[in-house]
Amino acid sequence: MKVILFGATGMVGQGVLRECLLDPNVSHAVSIVRNSTCQQHAKLTELILKDSFDYTGVESQLTGYDACFYCLGVSSSGMSEEGYSRVTYDITMAAAHSLVRLNPSVTFIFVSGTGTDSTEQGHTMWARVKGKTENALLRLPFKAVYIFRPAGIQPLHGIQSRTPSYRVLYALAKPVFPLLKLLLPNHITTTEHLGRAMIRVAKNGFKNQSSKPARSIKPNPASIFLWVPSSMLN
């Protein structure tokens, strides 16, 4: 399986990339980045994209892939709705529209978050924008679209969030994560489990009938929500 990864420098993306490089089912991974991370691995290619809205110069390098893991995202803290929408919706859709044209047989997996508002009508800004993004992705004619909505994520294997306040929070919470996983098994996962689950879904799909498509839209018939974390991640 050949995969494309967005957001490999973020906490979730680092976890997904690690699992891709370890998983024998993934033969090659291309990581779309603005600046080189200098990470080297036999299965990894970094593709520099300076303009997140213009794929013209790299289109020839983005064909023949089986899955896309879209982990790019930012905290909405201190951001206007316009600014947050530019990163969360506009940049995501620019990537998705390019990929569906180049690789219509791709399985597209988008990392969202618990609390996302599929109605796009709620009072919470980030949840509305995430919901708008999910709905737009679900309409695209990919082979399949899967939305992952994790809640608490414990970073493992030296992985850290790029957001300073989150790094402090995770450091403080580290001693109690095992207890939280026992008390809230459906709300706590790890970067490792999340990455493994995304690879498994990209390869095999997900047929649990309890998953459900977004409300009030006409999604691609192959599109589905995965309400995670859940037992499938652990």
Protein backbone atom coordinates (compact mmCIF):
# COMPACT_ATOMS: atom_id res chain seq x y z
CA MET A 1 0.00 0.00 0.00
CA LYS A 2 1.35 3.42 -1.00
CA VAL A 3 0.19 6.33 1.14
CA ILE A 4 0.23 10.12 1.19
CA LEU A 5 0.51 11.89 4.53
CA PHE A 6 -0.31 15.48 5.45
CA GLY A 7 0.65 16.92 8.83
CA ALA A 8 3.59 14.64 9.61
CA THR A 9 5.18 17.22 11.91
CA GLY A 10 2.13 17.41 14.20
CA MET A 11 1.47 15.07 17.10
CA VAL A 12 -1.05 12.84 15.33
CA GLY A 13 0.86 12.95 12.06
CA GLN A 14 4.09 11.91 13.77
CA GLY A 15 2.30 8.90 15.20
CA VAL A 16 0.76 7.94 11.86
CA LEU A 17 4.08 8.32 10.04
CA ARG A 18 5.84 6.15 12.63
CA GLU A 19 3.29 3.37 12.18
CA CYS A 20 3.47 3.64 8.38
CA LEU A 21 7.23 3.18 8.44
CA LEU A 22 6.90 0.19 10.76
CA ASP A 23 3.97 -1.51 9.03
CA PRO A 24 4.93 -4.09 6.37
CA ASN A 25 1.64 -3.40 4.57
CA VAL A 26 2.85 0.11 3.73
CA SER A 27 5.41 -0.05 0.96
CA HIS A 28 5.95 3.67 0.50
CA ALA A 29 4.90 6.92 2.18
CA VAL A 30 5.14 10.41 0.75
CA SER A 31 4.93 13.19 3.32
CA ILE A 32 3.72 16.58 2.08
CA VAL A 33 5.61 19.30 3.97
CA ARG A 34 6.38 22.99 3.60
CA ASN A 35 9.94 22.57 4.82
CA SER A 36 12.11 19.49 4.95
CA THR A 37 12.31 17.72 8.30
CA CYS A 38 15.49 15.89 7.16
CA GLN A 39 13.93 12.62 8.32
CA GLN A 40 15.28 9.71 6.31
CA HIS A 41 13.87 6.23 5.82
CA ALA A 42 13.91 3.78 2.93
CA LYS A 43 10.09 3.93 2.68
CA LEU A 44 9.76 7.71 3.05
CA THR A 45 9.82 10.54 0.53
CA GLU A 46 9.32 14.15 1.61
CA LEU A 47 7.61 16.30 -0.97
CA ILE A 48 8.10 20.04 -0.48
CA LEU A 49 4.98 22.11 -1.17
CA LYS A 50 5.50 25.80 -0.50
CA ASP A 51 2.02 26.87 -1.62
CA SER A 52 -0.71 24.77 -0.01
CA PHE A 53 -3.17 25.86 -2.69
CA ASP A 54 -1.07 25.05 -5.74
CA TYR A 55 -0.23 21.44 -6.60
CA THR A 56 0.66 22.10 -10.22
CA GLY A 57 4.38 21.50 -9.76
CA VAL A 58 4.02 18.22 -7.85
CA GLU A 59 1.03 16.56 -9.53
CA SER A 60 3.22 14.07 -11.39
CA GLN A 61 4.53 12.82 -8.04
CA LEU A 62 1.08 12.28 -6.53
CA THR A 63 -0.36 9.54 -8.72
CA GLY A 64 -0.61 5.82 -8.08
CA TYR A 65 -1.39 6.02 -4.34
CA ASP A 66 -3.84 3.93 -2.36
CA ALA A 67 -4.58 6.07 0.69
CA CYS A 68 -4.23 9.56 2.09
CA PHE A 69 -3.91 10.25 5.81
CA TYR A 70 -4.83 13.88 6.41
CA CYS A 71 -3.58 14.82 9.87
CA LEU A 72 -2.89 18.52 9.29
CA GLY A 73 -4.56 20.80 11.79
CA VAL A 74 -4.10 23.65 14.23
CA SER A 75 -5.57 24.72 17.54
CA SER A 76 -8.33 27.31 17.16
CA SER A 77 -7.14 29.13 20.29
CA GLY A 78 -6.64 32.81 19.54
CA MET A 79 -7.68 32.44 15.90
CA SER A 80 -10.49 34.18 14.07
CA GLU A 81 -13.02 32.04 12.25
CA GLU A 82 -11.61 33.27 8.95
CA GLY A 83 -8.07 32.29 9.89
CA TYR A 84 -9.08 28.92 11.31
CA SER A 85 -11.25 28.20 8.25
CA ARG A 86 -8.34 28.95 5.93
CA VAL A 87 -6.22 26.24 7.55
CA THR A 88 -8.93 23.72 8.42
CA TYR A 89 -11.27 24.04 5.45
CA ASP A 90 -9.57 25.85 2.56
CA ILE A 91 -6.20 24.08 2.68
CA THR A 92 -7.82 20.69 3.30
CA MET A 93 -10.17 21.05 0.36
CA ALA A 94 -7.39 22.25 -1.94
CA ALA A 95 -5.53 19.04 -1.16
CA ALA A 96 -8.62 16.85 -1.45
CA HIS A 97 -9.74 18.27 -4.79
CA SER A 98 -6.27 17.77 -6.25
CA LEU A 99 -5.98 14.21 -4.95
CA VAL A 100 -9.43 13.06 -6.04
CA ARG A 101 -8.65 14.27 -9.54
CA LEU A 102 -5.24 12.54 -9.59
CA ASN A 103 -6.19 9.43 -7.58
CA PRO A 104 -9.95 8.78 -7.63
CA SER A 105 -9.34 5.28 -6.25
CA VAL A 106 -7.72 6.67 -3.08
CA THR A 107 -9.16 6.08 0.38
CA PHE A 108 -9.10 9.45 2.14
CA ILE A 109 -8.87 9.49 5.94
CA PHE A 110 -9.38 12.77 7.75
CA VAL A 111 -8.54 13.31 11.41
CA SER A 112 -11.22 15.48 12.97
CA GLY A 113 -12.18 15.54 16.64
CA THR A 114 -14.82 14.65 19.16
CA GLY A 115 -17.40 17.42 19.41
CA THR A 116 -17.34 18.34 15.73
CA ASP A 117 -20.63 19.88 14.59
CA SER A 118 -21.93 18.18 11.44
CA THR A 119 -24.88 20.58 11.28
CA GLU A 120 -22.49 23.54 10.88
CA GLN A 121 -24.98 25.57 12.94
CA GLY A 122 -23.63 25.35 16.50
CA HIS A 123 -22.13 28.08 18.66
CA THR A 124 -18.61 26.64 18.84
CA MET A 125 -16.49 28.04 16.02
CA TRP A 126 -13.96 25.24 15.61
CA ALA A 127 -16.70 22.58 15.69
CA ARG A 128 -18.67 24.33 12.92
CA VAL A 129 -15.60 24.64 10.71
CA LYS A 130 -14.59 21.04 11.28
CA GLY A 131 -18.14 19.96 10.48
CA LYS A 132 -18.15 21.97 7.26
CA THR A 133 -14.86 20.34 6.27
CA GLU A 134 -16.10 16.84 7.05
CA ASN A 135 -19.29 17.39 5.06
CA ALA A 136 -17.41 18.68 2.03
CA LEU A 137 -14.99 15.75 2.10
CA LEU A 138 -17.82 13.24 2.35
CA ARG A 139 -19.28 14.55 -0.89
CA LEU A 140 -16.12 13.95 -2.92
CA PRO A 141 -15.95 10.86 -5.19
CA PHE A 142 -12.99 9.13 -3.55
CA LYS A 143 -13.03 5.34 -3.32
CA ALA A 144 -13.94 5.92 0.33
CA VAL A 145 -13.78 8.70 2.90
CA TYR A 146 -13.37 7.97 6.61
CA ILE A 147 -13.60 10.57 9.35
CA PHE A 148 -11.76 9.81 12.59
CA ARG A 149 -12.98 11.76 15.62
CA PRO A 150 -10.59 10.97 18.47
CA ALA A 151 -10.98 12.51 21.92
CA GLY A 152 -7.98 12.31 24.27
CA ILE A 153 -4.75 11.15 22.62
CA GLN A 154 -1.70 10.12 24.60
CA PRO A 155 1.55 10.77 22.69
CA LEU A 156 4.00 7.86 22.81
CA HIS A 157 7.55 7.09 21.64
CA GLY A 158 8.88 10.59 22.23
CA ILE A 159 6.20 12.25 20.11
CA GLN A 160 5.23 15.76 21.20
CA SER A 161 2.62 18.31 20.26
CA ARG A 162 3.87 21.44 18.51
CA THR A 163 1.51 23.55 20.65
CA PRO A 164 3.35 24.65 23.84
CA SER A 165 0.26 24.63 26.05
CA TYR A 166 -0.60 21.12 24.88
CA ARG A 167 2.92 19.91 25.66
CA VAL A 168 2.52 21.15 29.22
CA LEU A 169 -0.91 19.55 29.48
CA TYR A 170 0.32 16.19 28.19
CA ALA A 171 3.32 16.27 30.54
CA LEU A 172 1.04 16.88 33.51
CA ALA A 173 -1.43 14.22 32.40
CA LYS A 174 1.15 11.53 31.61
CA PRO A 175 1.07 9.91 35.09
CA VAL A 176 -2.72 9.56 35.02
CA PHE A 177 -3.20 8.42 31.40
CA PRO A 178 -3.28 4.71 32.39
CA LEU A 179 -6.04 5.43 34.91
CA LEU A 180 -7.94 7.56 32.38
CA LYS A 181 -7.80 4.72 29.85
CA LEU A 182 -9.31 2.39 32.44
CA LEU A 183 -12.04 4.83 33.44
CA LEU A 184 -12.73 6.23 29.95
CA PRO A 185 -11.75 3.50 27.47
CA ASN A 186 -13.83 5.02 24.68
CA HIS A 187 -12.36 8.49 25.12
CA ILE A 188 -8.63 7.88 25.44
CA THR A 189 -6.30 6.42 22.85
CA THR A 190 -2.63 6.77 21.89
CA THR A 191 -0.76 8.02 18.85
CA GLU A 192 0.31 4.44 18.22
CA HIS A 193 -3.18 2.94 18.34
CA LEU A 194 -4.63 5.74 16.25
CA GLY A 195 -1.97 5.31 13.57
CA ARG A 196 -2.47 1.55 13.46
CA ALA A 197 -6.24 1.94 13.19
CA MET A 198 -5.95 4.39 10.31
CA ILE A 199 -3.67 2.04 8.39
CA ARG A 200 -6.01 -0.89 9.04
CA VAL A 201 -9.05 1.04 7.84
CA ALA A 202 -7.20 2.29 4.75
CA LYS A 203 -6.28 -1.29 3.87
CA ASN A 204 -9.44 -3.17 4.83
CA GLY A 205 -12.22 -0.61 5.12
CA PHE A 206 -14.62 -0.54 8.06
CA LYS A 207 -17.99 -2.28 8.01
CA ASN A 208 -19.28 -1.73 11.54
CA GLN A 209 -22.94 -0.89 11.09
CA SER A 210 -22.89 1.37 14.16
CA SER A 211 -20.84 3.89 12.19
CA LYS A 212 -22.98 6.38 10.38
CA PRO A 213 -22.74 9.05 7.69
CA ALA A 214 -23.08 12.74 8.37
CA ARG A 215 -26.56 14.13 8.79
CA SER A 216 -28.25 16.53 6.39
CA ILE A 217 -25.86 15.93 3.48
CA LYS A 218 -25.64 13.58 0.54
CA PRO A 219 -22.34 11.79 1.12
CA ASN A 220 -20.37 9.61 -1.22
CA PRO A 221 -21.94 6.15 -0.66
CA ALA A 222 -18.51 4.86 0.38
CA SER A 223 -18.13 7.57 3.00
CA ILE A 224 -18.45 6.88 6.70
CA PHE A 225 -17.72 8.31 10.12
CA LEU A 226 -15.62 6.41 12.60
CA TRP A 227 -16.45 7.58 16.08
CA VAL A 228 -13.11 7.02 17.75
CA PRO A 229 -11.38 6.22 19.96
CA SER A 230 -13.17 2.94 20.55
CA SER A 231 -12.31 -0.68 21.00
CA MET A 232 -10.99 -0.90 17.44
CA LEU A 233 -8.06 1.32 18.41
CA ASN A 234 -6.82 -0.74 21.30
